[in-house]
Amino acid sequence: MKALTIDHSAPGHLALATVPDPEPAAHQALVRVHSFSLNAGEVHHVVPGGDPGAVPGWDAAGVVVQPAADGSGPAAGTPVVTLGADGAWAELRAVDTALIGTVPEGADLGPMSALPVAAGTALRALHRIGPILGRRVLVTGAGGGVGRFTLQLAARGGAHVIALTGDPAKEEALRGLGAHEVVTDPAALQRLEPVHGVVELVGGAHLVAAHGALAGSGVLVAAGHVSGAGEQFPHGALFGDGGRHNRQMATYFLLDDAAGLGADLSWLAALTARGELDPQVALRTDWTQVASAAAELAGRRVPGKAVIDVR
């Protein structure tokens, strides 16, 4: 089969090569990949630092060509959306059936490939906060891929949604995705009414400011770290007085939270197929152009998701 492999001598550290077909384990299905999406973690870390010859990729959508030998998962011919630690950027992918969601027949598989990491992280980070109906939820890095899904899902869950973005030009778009308030200066968070939950996607000073905006018993979920900066809390930031008792911070990583993920991916795919969840695909091209697409994403010039079709 053909696959994009890590080649540090090639443009973008990627080369299209012929590699052996994957051999599925008993609990894995073999999927013919139609499309995959790019994630910031892949273009910033996985590809530049990867082993030569490896096939990277977390997100892919396609069609099952060989069901799992143990009888789990979907039948042959089923359109699916998949998640894994690697192997998505290829014509064929062997994937654990626990990480497969089914896609409604006739749906465009391109946008579906944008769901696993970004929408899955958004959904499960919101679950970690707890009930959000009628509560105030802050999303930092709201203009990125995960942030845009988080805004939509939080609004769908009945939250009052506050979006934090460093780009004032994104305000109209973020309000269109469900934000009730848009903040462009992290310092302004301290002047807001406290929030019950935070999905924090930036790290560094943003995380510190967002934690300071938490109400008592509020939960901050650290699900992204695009700033690359560390956190330094000033003296008193972690005190529990003044109504700030029992605030919590939780770290999150989707690939370590696989239980029930296939059902979540199926639900997200159904929402998307009905037009009730917008994957915000801002760039779509074929895999001969993946190096330039990855460069655009790494340079933060893609206002949403980048989808690559295998052809």
Protein backbone atom coordinates (compact mmCIF):
# COMPACT_ATOMS: atom_id res chain seq x y z
CA MET A 1 0.00 0.00 0.00
CA LYS A 2 0.99 3.65 -0.26
CA ALA A 3 1.49 5.71 2.87
CA LEU A 4 3.00 8.95 4.05
CA THR A 5 6.12 8.05 5.99
CA ILE A 6 8.45 10.16 8.08
CA ASP A 7 11.50 11.14 6.01
CA HIS A 8 13.61 13.92 7.51
CA SER A 9 15.26 14.60 4.15
CA ALA A 10 11.91 15.35 2.46
CA PRO A 11 9.90 18.59 2.49
CA GLY A 12 7.85 18.71 5.67
CA HIS A 13 9.60 15.54 6.93
CA LEU A 14 7.12 13.41 4.92
CA ALA A 15 7.40 11.24 1.81
CA LEU A 16 4.82 9.16 -0.06
CA ALA A 17 6.16 5.60 -0.10
CA THR A 18 5.14 1.98 -0.62
CA VAL A 19 5.01 0.02 2.64
CA PRO A 20 3.63 -3.39 3.68
CA ASP A 21 -0.09 -3.62 4.39
CA PRO A 22 -0.90 -3.59 8.12
CA GLU A 23 -1.72 -6.93 9.74
CA PRO A 24 -4.68 -6.47 12.09
CA ALA A 25 -4.73 -8.07 15.53
CA ALA A 26 -7.84 -10.05 16.49
CA HIS A 27 -9.47 -6.98 18.07
CA GLN A 28 -8.70 -4.73 15.11
CA ALA A 29 -10.54 -3.98 11.88
CA LEU A 30 -8.81 -3.17 8.61
CA VAL A 31 -10.07 0.13 7.20
CA ARG A 32 -9.52 1.60 3.76
CA VAL A 33 -8.79 5.25 4.48
CA HIS A 34 -10.68 7.89 2.53
CA SER A 35 -9.51 10.98 4.44
CA PHE A 36 -7.51 11.98 7.47
CA SER A 37 -7.14 15.22 9.38
CA LEU A 38 -4.09 17.00 10.74
CA ASN A 39 -3.66 17.97 14.38
CA ALA A 40 -1.33 20.56 15.87
CA GLY A 41 0.42 17.96 18.01
CA GLU A 42 1.28 15.92 14.94
CA VAL A 43 2.72 18.77 12.87
CA HIS A 44 4.60 20.35 15.79
CA HIS A 45 5.94 17.24 17.52
CA VAL A 46 5.13 13.81 16.04
CA VAL A 47 6.37 14.37 12.48
CA PRO A 48 9.49 16.51 13.15
CA GLY A 49 10.65 14.15 15.92
CA GLY A 50 9.41 10.83 14.54
CA ASP A 51 11.34 7.71 13.57
CA PRO A 52 12.22 7.51 9.86
CA GLY A 53 9.87 5.21 7.96
CA ALA A 54 7.06 5.43 10.53
CA VAL A 55 3.50 6.08 9.35
CA PRO A 56 2.02 8.81 11.56
CA GLY A 57 -1.56 9.94 12.04
CA TRP A 58 -4.26 9.84 14.70
CA ASP A 59 -7.50 10.63 12.84
CA ALA A 60 -8.93 8.90 9.77
CA ALA A 61 -12.27 8.07 8.18
CA GLY A 62 -12.90 5.34 5.66
CA VAL A 63 -14.65 2.02 5.06
CA VAL A 64 -14.12 -1.33 6.81
CA VAL A 65 -12.65 -3.87 4.38
CA GLN A 66 -11.94 -6.60 6.92
CA PRO A 67 -13.85 -6.84 10.21
CA ALA A 68 -12.13 -7.82 13.44
CA ALA A 69 -11.48 -11.54 13.82
CA ASP A 70 -12.88 -11.56 17.36
CA GLY A 71 -16.31 -10.44 16.09
CA SER A 72 -16.18 -6.98 17.68
CA GLY A 73 -16.76 -3.78 15.76
CA PRO A 74 -18.53 -3.01 12.49
CA ALA A 75 -19.00 -5.29 9.50
CA ALA A 76 -17.22 -5.04 6.17
CA GLY A 77 -18.52 -2.18 4.06
CA THR A 78 -19.37 0.05 7.04
CA PRO A 79 -18.25 3.69 6.78
CA VAL A 80 -16.34 4.59 9.93
CA VAL A 81 -14.33 7.24 11.74
CA THR A 82 -11.24 6.00 13.59
CA LEU A 83 -8.64 7.01 16.16
CA GLY A 84 -5.25 5.51 16.91
CA ALA A 85 -1.76 6.39 18.07
CA ASP A 86 -0.41 6.16 14.50
CA GLY A 87 -1.03 4.71 11.05
CA ALA A 88 -3.79 7.03 9.79
CA TRP A 89 -1.86 8.58 6.91
CA ALA A 90 -2.06 5.53 4.67
CA GLU A 91 -4.34 3.72 2.24
CA LEU A 92 -5.08 1.04 4.85
CA ARG A 93 -5.23 1.23 8.64
CA ALA A 94 -5.55 -1.46 11.31
CA VAL A 95 -7.46 0.03 14.23
CA ASP A 96 -8.81 -1.18 17.57
CA THR A 97 -12.57 -1.65 17.33
CA ALA A 98 -12.98 0.24 20.64
CA LEU A 99 -11.70 3.32 18.80
CA ILE A 100 -14.06 3.06 15.81
CA GLY A 101 -17.26 5.04 15.38
CA THR A 102 -19.80 4.35 12.66
CA VAL A 103 -20.72 7.01 10.11
CA PRO A 104 -24.21 7.39 8.57
CA GLU A 105 -24.42 6.05 5.05
CA GLY A 106 -23.85 8.65 2.37
CA ALA A 107 -22.06 11.14 4.61
CA ASP A 108 -18.93 12.85 3.30
CA LEU A 109 -16.03 11.08 5.00
CA GLY A 110 -13.73 14.09 4.72
CA PRO A 111 -15.33 16.16 7.49
CA MET A 112 -15.76 13.00 9.57
CA SER A 113 -11.99 12.59 9.70
CA ALA A 114 -11.80 15.92 11.56
CA LEU A 115 -13.72 14.56 14.55
CA PRO A 116 -11.68 12.09 16.64
CA VAL A 117 -8.98 14.10 18.42
CA ALA A 118 -10.56 17.55 18.28
CA ALA A 119 -14.25 16.77 18.87
CA GLY A 120 -13.48 13.78 21.07
CA THR A 121 -11.28 15.89 23.33
CA ALA A 122 -13.88 18.67 23.44
CA LEU A 123 -16.69 16.28 24.38
CA ARG A 124 -14.77 14.43 27.05
CA ALA A 125 -13.25 17.56 28.57
CA LEU A 126 -16.78 18.90 28.99
CA HIS A 127 -17.83 15.60 30.56
CA ARG A 128 -14.96 16.01 33.05
CA ILE A 129 -16.35 19.40 34.12
CA GLY A 130 -19.69 17.77 34.94
CA PRO A 131 -23.23 19.08 34.34
CA ILE A 132 -23.08 22.33 32.36
CA LEU A 133 -26.75 23.17 31.79
CA GLY A 134 -27.22 26.75 32.96
CA ARG A 135 -23.58 27.06 34.01
CA ARG A 136 -20.78 29.32 32.84
CA VAL A 137 -18.05 27.58 30.80
CA LEU A 138 -14.85 29.25 29.59
CA VAL A 139 -12.94 27.97 26.55
CA THR A 140 -9.40 29.27 26.04
CA GLY A 141 -7.79 28.99 22.61
CA ALA A 142 -11.35 29.04 21.33
CA GLY A 143 -10.37 29.75 17.73
CA GLY A 144 -8.41 26.51 17.29
CA GLY A 145 -9.66 23.11 16.15
CA VAL A 146 -10.54 21.75 19.61
CA GLY A 147 -11.84 25.12 20.76
CA ARG A 148 -14.35 25.42 17.93
CA PHE A 149 -15.83 22.03 18.75
CA THR A 150 -15.90 22.86 22.46
CA LEU A 151 -17.89 26.04 21.87
CA GLN A 152 -20.51 24.17 19.85
CA LEU A 153 -20.86 21.27 22.26
CA ALA A 154 -20.93 23.48 25.37
CA ALA A 155 -23.66 25.63 23.84
CA ARG A 156 -25.56 22.50 22.85
CA GLY A 157 -25.29 21.32 26.46
CA GLY A 158 -26.99 24.48 27.71
CA ALA A 159 -23.95 26.34 29.04
CA HIS A 160 -23.34 30.07 28.99
CA VAL A 161 -20.15 29.98 26.92
CA ILE A 162 -17.25 32.42 27.16
CA ALA A 163 -14.60 32.23 24.43
CA LEU A 164 -11.04 33.49 24.95
CA THR A 165 -9.08 34.22 21.78
CA GLY A 166 -6.03 36.31 21.00
CA ASP A 167 -7.51 37.41 17.67
CA PRO A 168 -10.33 40.00 17.88
CA ALA A 169 -11.15 39.34 14.21
CA LYS A 170 -12.51 35.91 15.21
CA GLU A 171 -15.24 37.29 17.48
CA GLU A 172 -18.10 37.07 14.97
CA ALA A 173 -17.16 33.51 13.96
CA LEU A 174 -16.89 32.36 17.57
CA ARG A 175 -20.26 33.86 18.45
CA GLY A 176 -21.67 31.99 15.47
CA LEU A 177 -20.39 28.74 17.00
CA GLY A 178 -22.15 29.37 20.30
CA ALA A 179 -20.05 31.82 22.33
CA HIS A 180 -22.19 34.20 24.38
CA GLU A 181 -19.17 36.31 25.34
CA VAL A 182 -15.81 36.75 23.62
CA VAL A 183 -12.74 37.92 25.54
CA THR A 184 -9.48 38.86 23.83
CA ASP A 185 -7.31 39.71 26.88
CA PRO A 186 -6.60 37.03 29.51
CA ALA A 187 -6.28 39.76 32.17
CA ALA A 188 -9.94 40.61 31.59
CA LEU A 189 -10.98 37.19 32.94
CA GLN A 190 -10.52 38.47 36.48
CA ARG A 191 -13.24 41.05 35.89
CA LEU A 192 -15.80 38.51 34.71
CA GLU A 193 -18.39 36.75 36.79
CA PRO A 194 -16.67 33.52 37.93
CA VAL A 195 -17.08 30.41 35.78
CA HIS A 196 -18.03 26.87 36.77
CA GLY A 197 -15.77 25.15 34.26
CA VAL A 198 -12.83 25.79 31.94
CA VAL A 199 -11.61 23.84 28.93
CA GLU A 200 -8.05 25.17 28.78
CA LEU A 201 -6.19 24.68 25.49
CA VAL A 202 -3.29 27.14 25.62
CA GLY A 203 -1.28 26.69 28.81
CA GLY A 204 1.14 29.16 30.34
CA ALA A 205 -0.28 32.48 31.46
CA HIS A 206 -3.66 31.60 29.95
CA LEU A 207 -4.03 28.62 32.27
CA VAL A 208 -3.10 30.72 35.31
CA ALA A 209 -5.61 33.44 34.36
CA ALA A 210 -8.33 30.90 33.61
CA HIS A 211 -7.82 29.18 36.95
CA GLY A 212 -8.23 32.55 38.62
CA ALA A 213 -11.65 32.90 36.98
CA LEU A 214 -12.98 29.67 38.55
CA ALA A 215 -15.81 29.80 41.05
CA GLY A 216 -15.74 27.61 44.15
CA SER A 217 -15.99 23.90 43.25
CA GLY A 218 -15.20 24.80 39.65
CA VAL A 219 -13.14 22.51 37.40
CA LEU A 220 -10.39 23.43 34.93
CA VAL A 221 -9.48 20.74 32.39
CA ALA A 222 -6.03 21.24 30.83
CA ALA A 223 -6.48 19.64 27.41
CA GLY A 224 -4.01 21.58 25.26
CA HIS A 225 -0.69 23.37 25.57
CA VAL A 226 -0.13 25.27 22.33
CA SER A 227 1.74 28.15 23.98
CA GLY A 228 4.65 25.89 24.89
CA ALA A 229 5.03 27.94 28.07
CA GLY A 230 5.09 26.82 31.68
CA GLU A 231 2.79 27.99 34.45
CA GLN A 232 3.75 30.09 37.43
CA PHE A 233 1.01 30.80 39.96
CA PRO A 234 1.39 33.93 42.11
CA HIS A 235 1.22 33.62 45.89
CA GLY A 236 -2.42 33.31 46.92
CA ALA A 237 -3.69 31.93 43.60
CA LEU A 238 -4.32 28.52 45.17
CA PHE A 239 -5.93 29.76 48.37
CA GLY A 240 -9.43 28.46 49.07
CA ASP A 241 -10.90 31.51 50.80
CA GLY A 242 -13.27 34.11 49.41
CA GLY A 243 -15.63 31.57 47.84
CA ARG A 244 -12.82 29.76 46.02
CA HIS A 245 -12.91 26.52 48.01
CA ASN A 246 -12.56 23.15 46.27
CA ARG A 247 -11.49 24.39 42.83
CA GLN A 248 -9.94 21.58 40.80
CA MET A 249 -7.47 21.22 37.94
CA ALA A 250 -7.39 18.08 35.79
CA THR A 251 -5.09 17.04 32.98
CA TYR A 252 -6.55 15.29 29.93
CA PHE A 253 -5.24 13.12 27.07
CA LEU A 254 -7.74 11.43 24.76
CA LEU A 255 -5.70 8.34 23.87
CA ASP A 256 -5.58 7.41 27.56
CA ASP A 257 -9.38 7.62 27.83
CA ALA A 258 -10.56 4.99 25.36
CA ALA A 259 -13.46 3.40 27.25
CA GLY A 260 -16.67 4.06 25.35
CA LEU A 261 -14.95 6.28 22.81
CA GLY A 262 -16.36 4.40 19.82
CA ALA A 263 -19.90 5.27 20.91
CA ASP A 264 -18.90 8.91 21.37
CA LEU A 265 -17.40 9.02 17.87
CA SER A 266 -20.58 7.51 16.43
CA TRP A 267 -22.67 10.17 18.20
CA LEU A 268 -20.43 12.97 16.95
CA ALA A 269 -20.55 11.57 13.42
CA ALA A 270 -24.35 11.44 13.49
CA LEU A 271 -24.51 15.06 14.67
CA THR A 272 -22.17 16.09 11.88
CA ALA A 273 -24.11 14.19 9.22
CA ARG A 274 -27.32 15.96 10.32
CA GLY A 275 -25.64 19.36 10.10
CA GLU A 276 -25.87 19.90 13.86
CA LEU A 277 -22.09 19.98 14.41
CA ASP A 278 -19.80 21.94 12.10
CA PRO A 279 -16.30 20.45 11.80
CA GLN A 280 -15.04 23.83 10.59
CA VAL A 281 -12.96 22.38 7.77
CA ALA A 282 -10.92 25.35 6.62
CA LEU A 283 -8.46 23.55 4.35
CA ARG A 284 -9.04 20.41 2.27
CA THR A 285 -6.59 18.97 -0.21
CA ASP A 286 -5.12 15.61 -1.29
CA TRP A 287 -2.17 13.88 0.27
CA THR A 288 0.32 14.99 -2.36
CA GLN A 289 -0.02 18.44 -0.76
CA VAL A 290 0.26 17.35 2.87
CA ALA A 291 3.59 19.11 3.51
CA SER A 292 2.20 22.51 2.55
CA ALA A 293 -1.02 21.83 4.48
CA ALA A 294 0.98 20.90 7.58
CA ALA A 295 3.04 24.09 7.25
CA GLU A 296 -0.15 26.16 7.07
CA LEU A 297 -1.49 24.48 10.19
CA ALA A 298 1.80 24.83 12.06
CA GLY A 299 1.85 28.53 11.17
CA ARG A 300 -1.67 28.94 12.61
CA ARG A 301 -3.01 30.05 9.24
CA VAL A 302 -5.83 27.48 9.22
CA PRO A 303 -8.91 28.79 11.07
CA GLY A 304 -10.29 25.35 11.88
CA LYS A 305 -9.43 21.85 10.68
CA ALA A 306 -7.23 20.67 7.82
CA VAL A 307 -8.51 17.57 5.98
CA ILE A 308 -6.44 15.48 3.60
CA ASP A 309 -8.06 13.13 1.05
CA VAL A 310 -6.21 9.91 0.14
CA ARG A 311 -6.07 9.61 -3.62
